[in-house]
């Protein structure tokens, strides 16, 4: 049975990436156990998203934002009509 060298190389690369990901996760857990900060990772961490409280916006703030956006769109459409 012939084993394709490229498949073995791809598998090795995949396992190395997985090992690195696991090593970073373990380092982050160890840092948390010691009370320190987790090391910076290449992407967003799911653990930090669970720790942060969800930001809620008041109804008044939503109304202000909506009014400002409507004002911007009205100015944009007005400038588009002026150009035409």
C-alpha atoms as a PDB file:
ATOM      1  CA  UNK A   1       0.000   0.000   0.000  1.00  0.00           C
ATOM      2  CA  UNK A   2       1.601   3.262  -1.127  1.00  0.00           C
ATOM      3  CA  UNK A   3       1.444   6.098   1.381  1.00  0.00           C
ATOM      4  CA  UNK A   4       1.235   9.542  -0.146  1.00  0.00           C
ATOM      5  CA  UNK A   5       4.045  11.731   1.222  1.00  0.00           C
ATOM      6  CA  UNK A   6       2.004  14.921   0.768  1.00  0.00           C
ATOM      7  CA  UNK A   7      -0.835  13.551   2.879  1.00  0.00           C
ATOM      8  CA  UNK A   8       1.579  12.681   5.671  1.00  0.00           C
ATOM      9  CA  UNK A   9       3.158  16.139   5.521  1.00  0.00           C
ATOM     10  CA  UNK A  10      -0.249  17.832   5.616  1.00  0.00           C
ATOM     11  CA  UNK A  11      -1.281  15.678   8.568  1.00  0.00           C
ATOM     12  CA  UNK A  12       1.934  16.576  10.403  1.00  0.00           C
ATOM     13  CA  UNK A  13       1.346  20.289   9.835  1.00  0.00           C
ATOM     14  CA  UNK A  14      -2.217  19.971  11.037  1.00  0.00           C
ATOM     15  CA  UNK A  15      -1.151  18.172  14.206  1.00  0.00           C
ATOM     16  CA  UNK A  16       1.532  20.784  14.894  1.00  0.00           C
ATOM     17  CA  UNK A  17      -1.026  23.585  14.576  1.00  0.00           C
ATOM     18  CA  UNK A  18      -3.391  21.730  16.893  1.00  0.00           C
ATOM     19  CA  UNK A  19      -0.562  21.150  19.398  1.00  0.00           C
ATOM     20  CA  UNK A  20       0.289  24.874  19.350  1.00  0.00           C
ATOM     21  CA  UNK A  21      -3.358  25.802  19.918  1.00  0.00           C
ATOM     22  CA  UNK A  22      -3.592  23.420  22.857  1.00  0.00           C
ATOM     23  CA  UNK A  23      -0.318  24.729  24.307  1.00  0.00           C
ATOM     24  CA  UNK A  24      -1.634  28.316  24.151  1.00  0.00           C
ATOM     25  CA  UNK A  25      -4.894  27.262  25.799  1.00  0.00           C
ATOM     26  CA  UNK A  26      -3.011  25.484  28.565  1.00  0.00           C
ATOM     27  CA  UNK A  27      -0.779  28.519  29.128  1.00  0.00           C
ATOM     28  CA  UNK A  28      -3.851  30.722  29.423  1.00  0.00           C
ATOM     29  CA  UNK A  29      -5.416  28.395  31.976  1.00  0.00           C
ATOM     30  CA  UNK A  30      -2.198  28.243  33.980  1.00  0.00           C
ATOM     31  CA  UNK A  31      -1.991  32.046  33.975  1.00  0.00           C
ATOM     32  CA  UNK A  32      -5.576  32.296  35.200  1.00  0.00           C
ATOM     33  CA  UNK A  33      -4.857  29.812  37.981  1.00  0.00           C
ATOM     34  CA  UNK A  34      -1.861  31.902  39.055  1.00  0.00           C
ATOM     35  CA  UNK A  35      -3.997  35.058  38.989  1.00  0.00           C
ATOM     36  CA  UNK A  36      -2.242  36.606  36.021  1.00  0.00           C
ATOM     37  CA  UNK A  37      -3.462  37.582  32.636  1.00  0.00           C
ATOM     38  CA  UNK A  38      -3.684  35.100  29.812  1.00  0.00           C
ATOM     39  CA  UNK A  39      -1.093  35.549  27.070  1.00  0.00           C
ATOM     40  CA  UNK A  40      -2.172  37.382  23.939  1.00  0.00           C
ATOM     41  CA  UNK A  41      -3.606  35.069  21.335  1.00  0.00           C
ATOM     42  CA  UNK A  42      -3.965  35.430  17.614  1.00  0.00           C
ATOM     43  CA  UNK A  43      -7.768  35.641  17.736  1.00  0.00           C
ATOM     44  CA  UNK A  44     -10.594  36.569  20.057  1.00  0.00           C
ATOM     45  CA  UNK A  45     -10.878  34.456  23.141  1.00  0.00           C
ATOM     46  CA  UNK A  46     -14.167  32.812  23.952  1.00  0.00           C
ATOM     47  CA  UNK A  47     -13.393  32.830  27.676  1.00  0.00           C
ATOM     48  CA  UNK A  48     -13.131  36.622  27.811  1.00  0.00           C
ATOM     49  CA  UNK A  49     -16.432  37.040  25.995  1.00  0.00           C
ATOM     50  CA  UNK A  50     -18.182  35.010  28.700  1.00  0.00           C
ATOM     51  CA  UNK A  51     -16.570  37.075  31.462  1.00  0.00           C
ATOM     52  CA  UNK A  52     -17.570  40.485  30.110  1.00  0.00           C
ATOM     53  CA  UNK A  53     -21.043  41.702  31.035  1.00  0.00           C
ATOM     54  CA  UNK A  54     -23.294  42.400  28.093  1.00  0.00           C
ATOM     55  CA  UNK A  55     -23.675  46.096  27.406  1.00  0.00           C
ATOM     56  CA  UNK A  56     -27.254  47.259  27.248  1.00  0.00           C
ATOM     57  CA  UNK A  57     -28.401  50.439  25.578  1.00  0.00           C
ATOM     58  CA  UNK A  58     -31.259  52.511  26.915  1.00  0.00           C
ATOM     59  CA  UNK A  59     -34.296  53.246  24.784  1.00  0.00           C
ATOM     60  CA  UNK A  60     -33.389  56.943  24.786  1.00  0.00           C
ATOM     61  CA  UNK A  61     -29.899  56.177  23.475  1.00  0.00           C
ATOM     62  CA  UNK A  62     -31.345  53.983  20.715  1.00  0.00           C
ATOM     63  CA  UNK A  63     -33.688  56.816  19.728  1.00  0.00           C
ATOM     64  CA  UNK A  64     -30.814  59.323  19.614  1.00  0.00           C
ATOM     65  CA  UNK A  65     -28.734  57.006  17.459  1.00  0.00           C
ATOM     66  CA  UNK A  66     -31.664  56.327  15.112  1.00  0.00           C
ATOM     67  CA  UNK A  67     -32.401  60.049  14.781  1.00  0.00           C
ATOM     68  CA  UNK A  68     -28.756  60.817  14.019  1.00  0.00           C
ATOM     69  CA  UNK A  69     -28.639  58.068  11.390  1.00  0.00           C
ATOM     70  CA  UNK A  70     -31.840  59.327   9.755  1.00  0.00           C
ATOM     71  CA  UNK A  71     -30.353  62.822   9.693  1.00  0.00           C
ATOM     72  CA  UNK A  72     -27.175  61.513   8.018  1.00  0.00           C
ATOM     73  CA  UNK A  73     -29.177  59.580   5.408  1.00  0.00           C
ATOM     74  CA  UNK A  74     -31.370  62.610   4.703  1.00  0.00           C
ATOM     75  CA  UNK A  75     -28.267  64.749   4.117  1.00  0.00           C
ATOM     76  CA  UNK A  76     -26.774  62.053   1.889  1.00  0.00           C
ATOM     77  CA  UNK A  77     -29.930  61.760  -0.224  1.00  0.00           C
ATOM     78  CA  UNK A  78     -30.209  65.536  -0.453  1.00  0.00           C
ATOM     79  CA  UNK A  79     -26.639  65.788  -1.741  1.00  0.00           C
ATOM     80  CA  UNK A  80     -27.314  62.988  -4.248  1.00  0.00           C
ATOM     81  CA  UNK A  81     -30.332  64.879  -5.654  1.00  0.00           C
ATOM     82  CA  UNK A  82     -28.289  68.080  -5.867  1.00  0.00           C
ATOM     83  CA  UNK A  83     -25.609  66.304  -7.898  1.00  0.00           C
ATOM     84  CA  UNK A  84     -28.107  64.781 -10.320  1.00  0.00           C
END
